Protein backbone atom coordinates (compact mmCIF):
# COMPACT_ATOMS: atom_id res chain seq x y z
CA MET A 1 0.00 0.01 -0.01
CA THR A 2 1.43 3.36 -1.04
CA SER A 3 1.19 6.38 1.30
CA HIS A 4 0.34 9.81 -0.12
CA LEU A 5 1.32 11.52 3.15
CA PRO A 6 4.67 12.94 1.91
CA THR A 7 2.97 14.28 -1.23
CA ARG A 8 0.33 16.06 0.88
CA ARG A 9 3.03 17.54 3.11
CA VAL A 10 4.93 18.79 0.11
CA ALA A 11 1.75 20.25 -1.38
CA ALA A 12 0.85 21.92 1.91
CA ALA A 13 4.34 23.40 2.21
CA LEU A 14 4.21 24.68 -1.36
CA LEU A 15 0.79 26.22 -0.79
CA ALA A 16 1.97 27.89 2.44
CA GLY A 17 5.04 29.24 0.66
CA LEU A 18 2.90 30.58 -2.20
CA VAL A 19 0.49 32.34 0.19
CA PHE A 20 3.32 33.82 2.24
CA GLY A 21 5.09 34.96 -0.91
CA LEU A 22 2.00 36.68 -2.24
CA LEU A 23 1.38 38.42 1.08
CA ALA A 24 4.98 39.56 1.30
CA ALA A 25 4.94 40.90 -2.26
CA THR A 26 1.66 42.81 -1.80
CA PRO A 27 2.14 46.41 -0.70
CA GLY A 28 0.50 47.21 2.59
CA VAL A 29 -2.75 48.96 1.76
CA ALA A 30 -4.08 48.98 5.28
CA HIS A 31 -1.29 51.21 6.53
CA GLY A 32 -2.36 54.76 7.39
CA PRO A 33 -0.59 57.96 6.48
CA THR A 34 3.03 58.66 7.28
CA PRO A 35 4.14 61.95 8.79
CA GLN A 36 5.46 64.47 6.29
CA LYS A 37 7.93 67.31 6.79
CA ALA A 38 8.34 70.84 5.45
CA GLU A 39 11.15 73.30 5.90
CA ALA A 40 11.69 76.82 4.67
CA ARG A 41 14.53 79.17 5.47
CA THR A 42 15.62 82.67 4.56
CA GLN A 43 18.42 85.09 5.28
CA ILE A 44 17.39 88.57 6.49
CA ALA A 45 19.58 91.68 6.42
CA ALA A 46 18.99 92.51 10.08
CA PRO A 47 20.33 91.36 13.43
CA ALA A 48 18.67 88.26 14.90
CA ASP A 49 17.26 90.21 17.85
CA ALA A 50 15.50 92.64 15.52
CA VAL A 51 14.01 89.78 13.50
CA TRP A 52 12.93 87.98 16.67
CA LYS A 53 11.17 91.11 17.86
CA VAL A 54 8.83 90.73 14.88
CA ALA A 55 8.73 86.97 14.34
CA GLY A 56 8.78 86.03 18.01
CA ALA A 57 5.38 87.50 18.81
CA PHE A 58 3.13 84.42 18.66
CA GLY A 59 0.04 86.47 18.08
CA GLY A 60 1.78 88.90 15.70
CA ILE A 61 2.00 86.66 12.64
CA GLY A 62 -0.73 88.67 10.92
CA SER A 63 1.54 91.69 10.79
CA TRP A 64 3.99 90.00 8.47
CA HIS A 65 2.43 86.89 6.90
CA PRO A 66 0.53 87.81 3.71
CA MET A 67 -1.74 84.73 3.84
CA VAL A 68 -2.96 85.54 7.37
CA LYS A 69 -5.96 87.89 7.05
CA SER A 70 -6.40 88.29 10.82
CA VAL A 71 -5.31 86.82 14.14
CA VAL A 72 -7.06 86.60 17.49
CA ALA A 73 -4.52 85.62 20.15
CA THR A 74 -4.85 84.87 23.86
CA GLY A 75 -2.19 84.09 26.43
CA GLY A 76 0.65 86.20 25.01
CA ASP A 77 3.87 84.31 24.42
CA ALA A 78 3.54 81.80 27.26
CA ALA A 79 3.20 78.05 26.69
CA GLY A 80 -0.51 77.33 26.43
CA ALA A 81 -1.29 80.53 24.48
CA GLU A 82 -3.59 80.19 21.51
CA ARG A 83 -4.11 82.01 18.25
CA VAL A 84 -6.87 81.72 15.71
CA LEU A 85 -5.58 82.46 12.21
CA THR A 86 -8.05 83.54 9.54
CA LEU A 87 -6.80 82.49 6.10
CA GLU A 88 -8.51 82.92 2.75
CA LYS A 89 -10.50 79.67 3.07
CA GLY A 90 -11.13 79.55 6.81
CA GLU A 91 -9.69 79.49 10.31
CA LEU A 92 -6.98 77.43 12.02
CA THR A 93 -6.30 77.35 15.74
CA ASP A 94 -2.72 76.95 16.98
CA GLY A 95 -1.54 76.28 20.51
CA LEU A 96 1.88 77.48 21.72
CA ASP A 97 3.90 74.60 23.20
CA ASP A 98 7.27 76.18 23.86
CA TYR A 99 8.56 79.75 23.81
CA ASP A 100 12.31 80.32 24.22
CA ALA A 101 13.10 84.04 23.96
CA ALA A 102 16.79 83.52 24.72
CA GLY A 103 17.08 80.87 22.02
CA ARG A 104 14.80 82.87 19.68
CA SER A 105 12.58 79.85 19.04
CA LEU A 106 8.89 79.05 19.33
CA SER A 107 7.08 75.75 18.80
CA TYR A 108 3.35 75.28 18.33
CA ARG A 109 0.79 72.77 17.14
CA LEU A 110 -2.50 72.74 15.31
CA SER A 111 -5.21 72.34 17.88
CA LYS A 112 -8.27 72.86 15.64
CA GLU A 113 -7.97 71.78 12.05
CA ASN A 114 -9.75 73.06 8.96
CA VAL A 115 -8.74 71.13 5.83
CA GLU A 116 -10.39 73.73 3.63
CA ALA A 117 -8.06 76.41 4.98
CA LEU A 118 -4.95 74.16 4.96
CA PRO A 119 -5.10 70.52 3.77
CA VAL A 120 -3.48 69.00 6.85
CA SER A 121 -5.03 67.10 9.75
CA PHE A 122 -2.34 67.87 12.32
CA TYR A 123 0.96 69.67 12.53
CA THR A 124 3.70 70.69 14.93
CA ALA A 125 5.91 73.54 13.83
CA THR A 126 8.96 75.45 15.04
CA LEU A 127 10.21 78.86 13.99
CA THR A 128 13.81 79.74 14.92
CA VAL A 129 15.81 82.92 14.35
CA SER A 130 19.59 82.67 14.54
CA ASP A 131 22.56 84.98 14.04
CA ALA A 132 24.06 84.55 10.59
CA GLY A 133 26.94 87.00 11.14
CA ALA A 134 27.67 90.42 9.67
CA GLY A 135 24.41 91.87 11.02
CA ARG A 136 22.31 89.21 9.25
CA SER A 137 20.02 86.53 10.55
CA GLU A 138 18.64 83.22 9.37
CA VAL A 139 15.07 82.17 9.98
CA VAL A 140 14.14 78.48 9.76
CA TRP A 141 10.54 77.30 9.88
CA THR A 142 9.97 73.55 10.09
CA ALA A 143 6.94 71.33 10.54
CA ARG A 144 5.92 67.71 10.87
CA PHE A 145 2.34 67.02 9.77
CA TYR A 146 -0.21 64.60 8.38
CA ARG A 147 -2.23 65.03 5.21
CA GLY A 148 -5.79 66.35 5.36
CA ASP A 149 -7.44 62.99 4.79
CA THR A 150 -5.83 60.18 6.75
CA SER A 151 -7.76 57.38 5.06
CA ASN A 152 -5.92 54.90 2.86
CA PHE A 153 -7.12 56.51 -0.37
CA PRO A 154 -7.37 60.29 0.09
CA PRO A 155 -8.68 62.59 -2.63
CA ASP A 156 -6.00 64.50 -4.49
CA GLU A 157 -6.74 67.79 -2.69
CA LEU A 158 -6.09 66.14 0.70
CA ASN A 159 -3.21 63.76 -0.09
CA ASP A 160 0.45 63.92 0.97
CA GLU A 161 1.47 65.98 -2.04
CA ALA A 162 -1.25 68.58 -1.40
CA ALA A 163 -0.29 68.80 2.27
CA ILE A 164 3.43 69.22 1.52
CA ALA A 165 2.76 71.86 -1.11
CA ALA A 166 0.41 73.78 1.24
CA MET A 167 2.74 73.74 4.28
CA THR A 168 5.81 74.62 2.20
CA GLY A 169 3.88 77.41 0.44
CA PHE A 170 2.58 78.77 3.74
CA PHE A 171 6.12 78.84 5.18
CA GLU A 172 7.80 80.31 2.10
CA THR A 173 5.17 83.03 1.68
CA GLY A 174 5.44 83.84 5.38
CA LEU A 175 9.19 84.12 5.31
CA LYS A 176 9.06 86.41 2.27
CA GLY A 177 6.60 88.63 4.19
CA LEU A 178 8.79 88.57 7.31
CA LYS A 179 11.87 89.49 5.28
CA ALA A 180 10.01 92.38 3.57
CA LYS A 181 8.68 93.74 6.85
CA VAL A 182 11.98 93.57 8.72
CA GLU A 183 14.08 94.92 5.83
CA GLY A 184 11.47 97.63 5.13
CA LYS A 185 10.90 96.61 1.51
């Protein structure tokens, strides 16, 4: 009598290998969004302390950022302060996490999103002013954020590319406005 047991074992092993191979080769579609990053920087022909006097006022962003139509701020420059930014397509609310006047740096986070105003669902950002020598300064604005739609298949206007373009554009436009205000141009 001939046993088919080894043949069944071989077939089971081949089937298991095939299933594992297919799963390993399939891209993960159930994985959510990954954090994105944006960074913008500019050199300003003014001492760092003069730039910080303008950029370091958490509620003062409306005085130099062309995309910010108005700002309502509470809490001054202390951790826990809030500001409501009105942009062309709606409002965003930021909360101040850290304010370091000596280091000329402030960090904040999005506490109330509005994907129509900015196609991100969350961000943390830091603005830092440093001495660049010869009476000049460098301003660096960085953020870590998630796209506006965190589902697996976001629409184009809320995907990673839209979020990166929006955050980068917001930072670059803001730094141009800051430079113009501080340099008096």
